[in-house]
């Protein structure tokens, strides 16, 4: 999908945006960490909530205070995934999603084995639990999760340690430790409502457009919510550009009529 989406686009990696100067709306300057600048006529801002809250990007002039207030009304806690691969499946087929809030990993889901993929269990932690688990070594995390699964699935058929005995390898990803993400997904603080998300996604002066799961009022905290918000931002940008072109065309037509020589009267 990424290859399709970036088709005909120039994608710059290791290009951290540090400043967006839209004081000249005819030429917006986007500056990176090395002082390099790209000029643009419109900008779509698609960054995590934490980047907006911590003001990693300087906007000139400053963004409206209502947008900053909207960002502060939300929060984005750490999130961590633990994927364990096994040599064979040892869980029932109806265990798609399992919630066990009093355990080391509060929820996990299973992936059924097929001809192309091995059996996998994915553990998911958020908030304080993710902070706690993320502070441990990978060996401790894997061992603790395996013991949890052993306790759940031990049986006469599976034996006393079905997870440990069939374990092959792991992969752990902690979004809270990613320097440009620093969390999993947005959630409302006490008193937050859908208006805060709408304000966060509201364009500024029809030149800066905002998207991301935190701006979604219908599916926040999801990939599809983020993608839909991006599509809406693009549609909004295109609509404003077309509106401007129409206004400019009308203005030019009016100016042309004013500057046209007056008709000469025939004698």
C-alpha atoms as a PDB file:
ATOM      1  CA  UNK A   1       0.000   0.000   0.000  1.00  0.00           C
ATOM      2  CA  UNK A   2       2.836   2.408   0.851  1.00  0.00           C
ATOM      3  CA  UNK A   3       4.377   1.947  -2.591  1.00  0.00           C
ATOM      4  CA  UNK A   4       1.041   2.829  -4.176  1.00  0.00           C
ATOM      5  CA  UNK A   5       0.400   5.849  -1.937  1.00  0.00           C
ATOM      6  CA  UNK A   6       3.829   7.400  -2.504  1.00  0.00           C
ATOM      7  CA  UNK A   7       3.688   6.962  -6.281  1.00  0.00           C
ATOM      8  CA  UNK A   8       4.654  10.193  -8.100  1.00  0.00           C
ATOM      9  CA  UNK A   9       5.586  11.827  -4.771  1.00  0.00           C
ATOM     10  CA  UNK A  10       8.937  13.016  -3.459  1.00  0.00           C
ATOM     11  CA  UNK A  11       9.404  11.402  -0.050  1.00  0.00           C
ATOM     12  CA  UNK A  12      12.146  12.790   2.199  1.00  0.00           C
ATOM     13  CA  UNK A  13      13.355  10.666   5.090  1.00  0.00           C
ATOM     14  CA  UNK A  14      15.483  11.895   8.002  1.00  0.00           C
ATOM     15  CA  UNK A  15      13.927  15.303   7.290  1.00  0.00           C
ATOM     16  CA  UNK A  16      12.514  16.442  10.638  1.00  0.00           C
ATOM     17  CA  UNK A  17      10.271  19.485  10.300  1.00  0.00           C
ATOM     18  CA  UNK A  18      11.149  22.064  12.961  1.00  0.00           C
ATOM     19  CA  UNK A  19       9.425  25.205  11.676  1.00  0.00           C
ATOM     20  CA  UNK A  20       6.498  26.177   9.453  1.00  0.00           C
ATOM     21  CA  UNK A  21       6.438  29.854   8.551  1.00  0.00           C
ATOM     22  CA  UNK A  22       3.180  30.875   6.887  1.00  0.00           C
ATOM     23  CA  UNK A  23       3.499  34.621   7.460  1.00  0.00           C
ATOM     24  CA  UNK A  24       3.754  34.914   3.660  1.00  0.00           C
ATOM     25  CA  UNK A  25       0.777  32.880   2.499  1.00  0.00           C
ATOM     26  CA  UNK A  26       1.998  32.949  -1.102  1.00  0.00           C
ATOM     27  CA  UNK A  27       5.113  31.014  -0.113  1.00  0.00           C
ATOM     28  CA  UNK A  28       5.039  28.952   3.079  1.00  0.00           C
ATOM     29  CA  UNK A  29       8.521  28.027   4.325  1.00  0.00           C
ATOM     30  CA  UNK A  30       8.979  24.577   5.878  1.00  0.00           C
ATOM     31  CA  UNK A  31      12.351  24.213   7.643  1.00  0.00           C
ATOM     32  CA  UNK A  32      14.054  21.044   8.876  1.00  0.00           C
ATOM     33  CA  UNK A  33      16.549  20.315  11.663  1.00  0.00           C
ATOM     34  CA  UNK A  34      19.479  21.262   9.408  1.00  0.00           C
ATOM     35  CA  UNK A  35      18.046  24.611   8.333  1.00  0.00           C
ATOM     36  CA  UNK A  36      17.045  23.364   4.873  1.00  0.00           C
ATOM     37  CA  UNK A  37      13.848  24.957   3.556  1.00  0.00           C
ATOM     38  CA  UNK A  38      11.079  23.826   1.229  1.00  0.00           C
ATOM     39  CA  UNK A  39       8.631  26.380  -0.154  1.00  0.00           C
ATOM     40  CA  UNK A  40       4.971  25.428  -0.405  1.00  0.00           C
ATOM     41  CA  UNK A  41       1.604  26.998  -1.157  1.00  0.00           C
ATOM     42  CA  UNK A  42      -0.287  24.694   1.237  1.00  0.00           C
ATOM     43  CA  UNK A  43       0.838  22.422   4.088  1.00  0.00           C
ATOM     44  CA  UNK A  44      -0.836  19.343   5.584  1.00  0.00           C
ATOM     45  CA  UNK A  45       0.291  18.673   9.168  1.00  0.00           C
ATOM     46  CA  UNK A  46       0.007  14.948   9.971  1.00  0.00           C
ATOM     47  CA  UNK A  47       1.913  14.465  13.219  1.00  0.00           C
ATOM     48  CA  UNK A  48       1.079  12.600  16.463  1.00  0.00           C
ATOM     49  CA  UNK A  49      -0.748  14.431  19.231  1.00  0.00           C
ATOM     50  CA  UNK A  50       2.414  14.466  21.378  1.00  0.00           C
ATOM     51  CA  UNK A  51       4.278  16.489  18.749  1.00  0.00           C
ATOM     52  CA  UNK A  52       1.529  19.109  18.799  1.00  0.00           C
ATOM     53  CA  UNK A  53       1.343  19.162  22.609  1.00  0.00           C
ATOM     54  CA  UNK A  54       5.105  19.468  23.086  1.00  0.00           C
ATOM     55  CA  UNK A  55       5.320  22.032  20.261  1.00  0.00           C
ATOM     56  CA  UNK A  56       8.148  20.236  18.494  1.00  0.00           C
ATOM     57  CA  UNK A  57       7.270  22.300  15.424  1.00  0.00           C
ATOM     58  CA  UNK A  58       7.382  26.095  15.625  1.00  0.00           C
ATOM     59  CA  UNK A  59       4.603  27.806  13.688  1.00  0.00           C
ATOM     60  CA  UNK A  60       5.049  31.397  12.537  1.00  0.00           C
ATOM     61  CA  UNK A  61       2.723  33.089  13.299  1.00  0.00           C
ATOM     62  CA  UNK A  62       1.678  31.005  16.302  1.00  0.00           C
ATOM     63  CA  UNK A  63      -1.296  28.697  15.930  1.00  0.00           C
ATOM     64  CA  UNK A  64      -4.615  29.917  17.364  1.00  0.00           C
ATOM     65  CA  UNK A  65      -4.786  29.311  21.117  1.00  0.00           C
ATOM     66  CA  UNK A  66      -8.006  27.320  20.691  1.00  0.00           C
ATOM     67  CA  UNK A  67      -6.026  24.694  18.750  1.00  0.00           C
ATOM     68  CA  UNK A  68      -3.436  24.436  21.537  1.00  0.00           C
ATOM     69  CA  UNK A  69      -6.256  24.187  24.100  1.00  0.00           C
ATOM     70  CA  UNK A  70      -7.828  21.374  22.073  1.00  0.00           C
ATOM     71  CA  UNK A  71      -4.517  19.482  22.014  1.00  0.00           C
ATOM     72  CA  UNK A  72      -4.149  19.801  25.792  1.00  0.00           C
ATOM     73  CA  UNK A  73      -7.667  18.390  26.305  1.00  0.00           C
ATOM     74  CA  UNK A  74      -6.466  15.048  24.928  1.00  0.00           C
ATOM     75  CA  UNK A  75      -3.736  12.663  26.009  1.00  0.00           C
ATOM     76  CA  UNK A  76      -1.573  10.027  24.360  1.00  0.00           C
ATOM     77  CA  UNK A  77      -0.204   7.342  26.669  1.00  0.00           C
ATOM     78  CA  UNK A  78       2.504   4.773  25.868  1.00  0.00           C
ATOM     79  CA  UNK A  79       1.589   1.580  24.023  1.00  0.00           C
ATOM     80  CA  UNK A  80       3.610  -1.587  23.601  1.00  0.00           C
ATOM     81  CA  UNK A  81       3.180  -4.796  21.597  1.00  0.00           C
ATOM     82  CA  UNK A  82       4.763  -8.179  22.282  1.00  0.00           C
ATOM     83  CA  UNK A  83       4.608 -10.693  19.435  1.00  0.00           C
ATOM     84  CA  UNK A  84       5.484 -14.318  20.209  1.00  0.00           C
ATOM     85  CA  UNK A  85       5.905 -16.940  17.478  1.00  0.00           C
ATOM     86  CA  UNK A  86       5.268 -20.618  18.261  1.00  0.00           C
ATOM     87  CA  UNK A  87       6.014 -23.904  16.563  1.00  0.00           C
ATOM     88  CA  UNK A  88       2.373 -24.955  16.841  1.00  0.00           C
ATOM     89  CA  UNK A  89      -0.994 -23.635  17.965  1.00  0.00           C
ATOM     90  CA  UNK A  90      -2.076 -24.590  21.499  1.00  0.00           C
ATOM     91  CA  UNK A  91      -5.099 -22.302  22.026  1.00  0.00           C
ATOM     92  CA  UNK A  92      -8.778 -22.786  21.061  1.00  0.00           C
ATOM     93  CA  UNK A  93      -9.958 -21.388  17.744  1.00  0.00           C
ATOM     94  CA  UNK A  94     -12.455 -19.094  19.461  1.00  0.00           C
ATOM     95  CA  UNK A  95      -9.680 -17.205  21.329  1.00  0.00           C
ATOM     96  CA  UNK A  96      -9.393 -14.325  18.876  1.00  0.00           C
ATOM     97  CA  UNK A  97      -9.177 -11.624  21.553  1.00  0.00           C
ATOM     98  CA  UNK A  98      -8.554 -12.336  25.224  1.00  0.00           C
ATOM     99  CA  UNK A  99      -8.813  -9.666  27.941  1.00  0.00           C
ATOM    100  CA  UNK A 100      -7.202 -10.447  31.302  1.00  0.00           C
ATOM    101  CA  UNK A 101      -6.817  -7.113  33.072  1.00  0.00           C
ATOM    102  CA  UNK A 102      -5.255  -8.537  36.235  1.00  0.00           C
ATOM    103  CA  UNK A 103      -2.399 -10.272  34.374  1.00  0.00           C
ATOM    104  CA  UNK A 104       1.071  -9.246  33.236  1.00  0.00           C
ATOM    105  CA  UNK A 105      -0.311  -8.485  29.758  1.00  0.00           C
ATOM    106  CA  UNK A 106      -3.871  -7.193  29.982  1.00  0.00           C
ATOM    107  CA  UNK A 107      -4.992  -8.216  26.505  1.00  0.00           C
ATOM    108  CA  UNK A 108      -3.772 -10.278  23.596  1.00  0.00           C
ATOM    109  CA  UNK A 109      -5.049 -11.661  20.338  1.00  0.00           C
ATOM    110  CA  UNK A 110      -4.138 -14.714  18.319  1.00  0.00           C
ATOM    111  CA  UNK A 111      -3.270 -15.240  14.684  1.00  0.00           C
ATOM    112  CA  UNK A 112      -4.320 -18.542  13.170  1.00  0.00           C
ATOM    113  CA  UNK A 113      -1.648 -20.527  11.390  1.00  0.00           C
ATOM    114  CA  UNK A 114      -2.043 -21.037   7.658  1.00  0.00           C
ATOM    115  CA  UNK A 115       0.185 -22.211   4.848  1.00  0.00           C
ATOM    116  CA  UNK A 116       2.062 -18.890   4.770  1.00  0.00           C
ATOM    117  CA  UNK A 117       2.344 -17.870   8.432  1.00  0.00           C
ATOM    118  CA  UNK A 118       3.252 -19.533  11.753  1.00  0.00           C
ATOM    119  CA  UNK A 119       0.990 -19.316  14.835  1.00  0.00           C
ATOM    120  CA  UNK A 120       1.499 -15.991  16.633  1.00  0.00           C
ATOM    121  CA  UNK A 121       0.121 -14.329  19.769  1.00  0.00           C
ATOM    122  CA  UNK A 122       0.263 -10.544  20.076  1.00  0.00           C
ATOM    123  CA  UNK A 123       0.167  -8.977  23.540  1.00  0.00           C
ATOM    124  CA  UNK A 124      -0.836  -5.350  23.929  1.00  0.00           C
ATOM    125  CA  UNK A 125      -0.229  -2.957  26.836  1.00  0.00           C
ATOM    126  CA  UNK A 126      -1.141   0.704  27.203  1.00  0.00           C
ATOM    127  CA  UNK A 127      -0.898   3.472  29.794  1.00  0.00           C
ATOM    128  CA  UNK A 128       0.775   2.751  33.121  1.00  0.00           C
ATOM    129  CA  UNK A 129       1.043  -0.938  32.299  1.00  0.00           C
ATOM    130  CA  UNK A 130       3.014  -0.114  29.136  1.00  0.00           C
ATOM    131  CA  UNK A 131       5.308   2.151  31.172  1.00  0.00           C
ATOM    132  CA  UNK A 132       5.916  -0.644  33.665  1.00  0.00           C
ATOM    133  CA  UNK A 133       6.456  -3.407  31.095  1.00  0.00           C
ATOM    134  CA  UNK A 134       8.556  -1.114  28.887  1.00  0.00           C
ATOM    135  CA  UNK A 135      10.990  -0.531  31.759  1.00  0.00           C
ATOM    136  CA  UNK A 136      11.880  -4.253  31.872  1.00  0.00           C
ATOM    137  CA  UNK A 137      14.442  -6.132  29.802  1.00  0.00           C
ATOM    138  CA  UNK A 138      13.165  -8.064  26.777  1.00  0.00           C
ATOM    139  CA  UNK A 139      14.110 -11.371  28.422  1.00  0.00           C
ATOM    140  CA  UNK A 140      11.962 -10.578  31.478  1.00  0.00           C
ATOM    141  CA  UNK A 141       9.051  -9.406  29.291  1.00  0.00           C
ATOM    142  CA  UNK A 142       9.075 -12.554  27.148  1.00  0.00           C
ATOM    143  CA  UNK A 143       9.497 -14.897  30.117  1.00  0.00           C
ATOM    144  CA  UNK A 144       6.665 -13.231  32.060  1.00  0.00           C
ATOM    145  CA  UNK A 145       4.292 -13.329  29.090  1.00  0.00           C
ATOM    146  CA  UNK A 146       5.114 -16.989  28.396  1.00  0.00           C
ATOM    147  CA  UNK A 147       4.389 -17.881  32.035  1.00  0.00           C
ATOM    148  CA  UNK A 148       1.054 -16.070  31.782  1.00  0.00           C
ATOM    149  CA  UNK A 149       0.132 -18.065  28.681  1.00  0.00           C
ATOM    150  CA  UNK A 150       1.328 -21.303  30.291  1.00  0.00           C
ATOM    151  CA  UNK A 151      -1.012 -20.690  33.239  1.00  0.00           C
ATOM    152  CA  UNK A 152      -3.943 -19.987  30.912  1.00  0.00           C
ATOM    153  CA  UNK A 153      -3.509 -22.906  28.490  1.00  0.00           C
ATOM    154  CA  UNK A 154      -1.992 -25.639  30.662  1.00  0.00           C
ATOM    155  CA  UNK A 155      -4.046 -28.828  30.349  1.00  0.00           C
ATOM    156  CA  UNK A 156      -3.700 -32.570  30.163  1.00  0.00           C
ATOM    157  CA  UNK A 157      -3.542 -32.301  26.389  1.00  0.00           C
ATOM    158  CA  UNK A 158      -1.198 -29.284  26.208  1.00  0.00           C
ATOM    159  CA  UNK A 159       1.002 -30.120  29.174  1.00  0.00           C
ATOM    160  CA  UNK A 160       2.005 -27.742  31.985  1.00  0.00           C
ATOM    161  CA  UNK A 161       3.925 -25.245  29.815  1.00  0.00           C
ATOM    162  CA  UNK A 162       2.465 -25.191  26.283  1.00  0.00           C
ATOM    163  CA  UNK A 163       3.639 -21.647  25.520  1.00  0.00           C
ATOM    164  CA  UNK A 164       7.192 -22.083  26.803  1.00  0.00           C
ATOM    165  CA  UNK A 165       7.656 -25.486  25.157  1.00  0.00           C
ATOM    166  CA  UNK A 166       6.461 -24.255  21.737  1.00  0.00           C
ATOM    167  CA  UNK A 167       8.045 -20.774  21.859  1.00  0.00           C
ATOM    168  CA  UNK A 168      10.383 -19.859  18.971  1.00  0.00           C
ATOM    169  CA  UNK A 169      11.069 -16.118  18.854  1.00  0.00           C
ATOM    170  CA  UNK A 170       9.713 -12.681  19.755  1.00  0.00           C
ATOM    171  CA  UNK A 171       9.392  -9.108  18.555  1.00  0.00           C
ATOM    172  CA  UNK A 172       8.676  -6.159  20.885  1.00  0.00           C
ATOM    173  CA  UNK A 173       7.817  -2.635  19.808  1.00  0.00           C
ATOM    174  CA  UNK A 174       7.357   0.236  22.248  1.00  0.00           C
ATOM    175  CA  UNK A 175       5.720   3.280  20.608  1.00  0.00           C
ATOM    176  CA  UNK A 176       6.237   5.297  23.776  1.00  0.00           C
ATOM    177  CA  UNK A 177       9.993   5.205  23.156  1.00  0.00           C
ATOM    178  CA  UNK A 178       9.834   6.291  19.517  1.00  0.00           C
ATOM    179  CA  UNK A 179      11.237   9.857  19.482  1.00  0.00           C
ATOM    180  CA  UNK A 180       8.748  11.142  16.914  1.00  0.00           C
ATOM    181  CA  UNK A 181       5.653   9.301  18.207  1.00  0.00           C
ATOM    182  CA  UNK A 182       5.938   8.938  21.998  1.00  0.00           C
ATOM    183  CA  UNK A 183       2.675   7.084  22.518  1.00  0.00           C
ATOM    184  CA  UNK A 184       0.039   4.770  21.121  1.00  0.00           C
ATOM    185  CA  UNK A 185      -3.113   6.702  20.291  1.00  0.00           C
ATOM    186  CA  UNK A 186      -5.108   9.635  21.624  1.00  0.00           C
ATOM    187  CA  UNK A 187      -7.763   9.551  24.322  1.00  0.00           C
ATOM    188  CA  UNK A 188      -9.827  12.293  25.879  1.00  0.00           C
ATOM    189  CA  UNK A 189      -9.019  13.654  29.316  1.00  0.00           C
ATOM    190  CA  UNK A 190     -11.841  14.344  31.785  1.00  0.00           C
ATOM    191  CA  UNK A 191     -14.059  17.014  30.228  1.00  0.00           C
ATOM    192  CA  UNK A 192     -12.885  16.448  26.651  1.00  0.00           C
ATOM    193  CA  UNK A 193     -15.459  16.045  23.905  1.00  0.00           C
ATOM    194  CA  UNK A 194     -15.722  15.729  20.139  1.00  0.00           C
ATOM    195  CA  UNK A 195     -15.378  19.510  19.692  1.00  0.00           C
ATOM    196  CA  UNK A 196     -11.760  19.333  20.859  1.00  0.00           C
ATOM    197  CA  UNK A 197     -10.933  16.849  18.094  1.00  0.00           C
ATOM    198  CA  UNK A 198     -12.745  18.994  15.533  1.00  0.00           C
ATOM    199  CA  UNK A 199     -10.825  22.104  16.643  1.00  0.00           C
ATOM    200  CA  UNK A 200      -7.545  20.182  16.465  1.00  0.00           C
ATOM    201  CA  UNK A 201      -8.343  19.232  12.870  1.00  0.00           C
ATOM    202  CA  UNK A 202      -9.575  22.671  11.805  1.00  0.00           C
ATOM    203  CA  UNK A 203      -7.527  24.374   9.094  1.00  0.00           C
ATOM    204  CA  UNK A 204      -5.691  27.627   9.782  1.00  0.00           C
ATOM    205  CA  UNK A 205      -6.269  30.471   7.348  1.00  0.00           C
ATOM    206  CA  UNK A 206      -7.071  27.912   4.612  1.00  0.00           C
ATOM    207  CA  UNK A 207      -3.320  27.303   4.207  1.00  0.00           C
ATOM    208  CA  UNK A 208      -2.462  24.848   7.013  1.00  0.00           C
ATOM    209  CA  UNK A 209      -4.492  21.641   7.151  1.00  0.00           C
ATOM    210  CA  UNK A 210      -4.402  19.083   9.967  1.00  0.00           C
ATOM    211  CA  UNK A 211      -5.083  15.363  10.087  1.00  0.00           C
ATOM    212  CA  UNK A 212      -4.333  12.241  12.131  1.00  0.00           C
ATOM    213  CA  UNK A 213      -6.278   9.922  14.395  1.00  0.00           C
ATOM    214  CA  UNK A 214      -6.454  12.574  17.153  1.00  0.00           C
ATOM    215  CA  UNK A 215      -8.421  14.854  14.783  1.00  0.00           C
ATOM    216  CA  UNK A 216     -10.956  12.149  13.901  1.00  0.00           C
ATOM    217  CA  UNK A 217     -14.344  12.645  15.524  1.00  0.00           C
ATOM    218  CA  UNK A 218     -15.740   9.337  14.245  1.00  0.00           C
ATOM    219  CA  UNK A 219     -12.877   6.830  14.695  1.00  0.00           C
ATOM    220  CA  UNK A 220     -10.141   8.253  16.961  1.00  0.00           C
ATOM    221  CA  UNK A 221      -7.368   5.909  18.012  1.00  0.00           C
ATOM    222  CA  UNK A 222      -7.576   3.854  14.804  1.00  0.00           C
ATOM    223  CA  UNK A 223      -5.624   3.525  11.560  1.00  0.00           C
ATOM    224  CA  UNK A 224      -8.759   3.917   9.462  1.00  0.00           C
ATOM    225  CA  UNK A 225      -9.650   7.070  11.420  1.00  0.00           C
ATOM    226  CA  UNK A 226      -6.220   8.513  10.644  1.00  0.00           C
ATOM    227  CA  UNK A 227      -6.471   7.630   6.950  1.00  0.00           C
ATOM    228  CA  UNK A 228      -9.993   9.031   6.641  1.00  0.00           C
ATOM    229  CA  UNK A 229      -8.920  12.283   8.321  1.00  0.00           C
ATOM    230  CA  UNK A 230      -6.067  12.571   5.807  1.00  0.00           C
ATOM    231  CA  UNK A 231      -8.469  12.109   2.898  1.00  0.00           C
ATOM    232  CA  UNK A 232     -10.729  14.814   4.353  1.00  0.00           C
ATOM    233  CA  UNK A 233      -7.767  17.197   4.752  1.00  0.00           C
ATOM    234  CA  UNK A 234      -6.763  16.661   1.118  1.00  0.00           C
ATOM    235  CA  UNK A 235     -10.327  17.186  -0.078  1.00  0.00           C
ATOM    236  CA  UNK A 236     -10.542  20.383   1.971  1.00  0.00           C
ATOM    237  CA  UNK A 237      -7.230  21.658   0.588  1.00  0.00           C
ATOM    238  CA  UNK A 238      -8.296  20.991  -2.998  1.00  0.00           C
ATOM    239  CA  UNK A 239     -11.653  22.690  -2.415  1.00  0.00           C
ATOM    240  CA  UNK A 240      -9.979  25.842  -1.080  1.00  0.00           C
ATOM    241  CA  UNK A 241      -7.492  25.918  -3.960  1.00  0.00           C
ATOM    242  CA  UNK A 242     -10.315  25.638  -6.484  1.00  0.00           C
ATOM    243  CA  UNK A 243     -12.263  28.333  -4.659  1.00  0.00           C
ATOM    244  CA  UNK A 244      -9.221  30.625  -4.758  1.00  0.00           C
ATOM    245  CA  UNK A 245      -8.696  29.965  -8.466  1.00  0.00           C
ATOM    246  CA  UNK A 246     -12.338  30.784  -9.145  1.00  0.00           C
ATOM    247  CA  UNK A 247     -12.102  34.027  -7.144  1.00  0.00           C
ATOM    248  CA  UNK A 248      -8.856  34.997  -8.919  1.00  0.00           C
ATOM    249  CA  UNK A 249     -10.405  34.290 -12.310  1.00  0.00           C
ATOM    250  CA  UNK A 250     -13.379  36.496 -11.460  1.00  0.00           C
ATOM    251  CA  UNK A 251     -11.068  39.215 -10.170  1.00  0.00           C
ATOM    252  CA  UNK A 252      -8.918  39.100 -13.331  1.00  0.00           C
ATOM    253  CA  UNK A 253     -12.031  39.230 -15.495  1.00  0.00           C
ATOM    254  CA  UNK A 254     -13.268  42.271 -13.585  1.00  0.00           C
ATOM    255  CA  UNK A 255      -9.858  43.971 -13.865  1.00  0.00           C
ATOM    256  CA  UNK A 256      -9.690  43.228 -17.576  1.00  0.00           C
ATOM    257  CA  UNK A 257     -13.064  44.890 -18.071  1.00  0.00           C
ATOM    258  CA  UNK A 258     -11.984  47.951 -16.070  1.00  0.00           C
ATOM    259  CA  UNK A 259      -8.734  48.269 -18.019  1.00  0.00           C
ATOM    260  CA  UNK A 260     -10.303  47.715 -21.441  1.00  0.00           C
ATOM    261  CA  UNK A 261     -10.423  50.866 -23.612  1.00  0.00           C
ATOM    262  CA  UNK A 262     -13.808  52.524 -23.788  1.00  0.00           C
ATOM    263  CA  UNK A 263     -15.614  51.961 -27.086  1.00  0.00           C
ATOM    264  CA  UNK A 264     -15.228  54.811 -29.586  1.00  0.00           C
ATOM    265  CA  UNK A 265     -18.489  56.484 -30.580  1.00  0.00           C
ATOM    266  CA  UNK A 266     -19.202  56.401 -34.311  1.00  0.00           C
ATOM    267  CA  UNK A 267     -19.895  59.752 -35.962  1.00  0.00           C
END
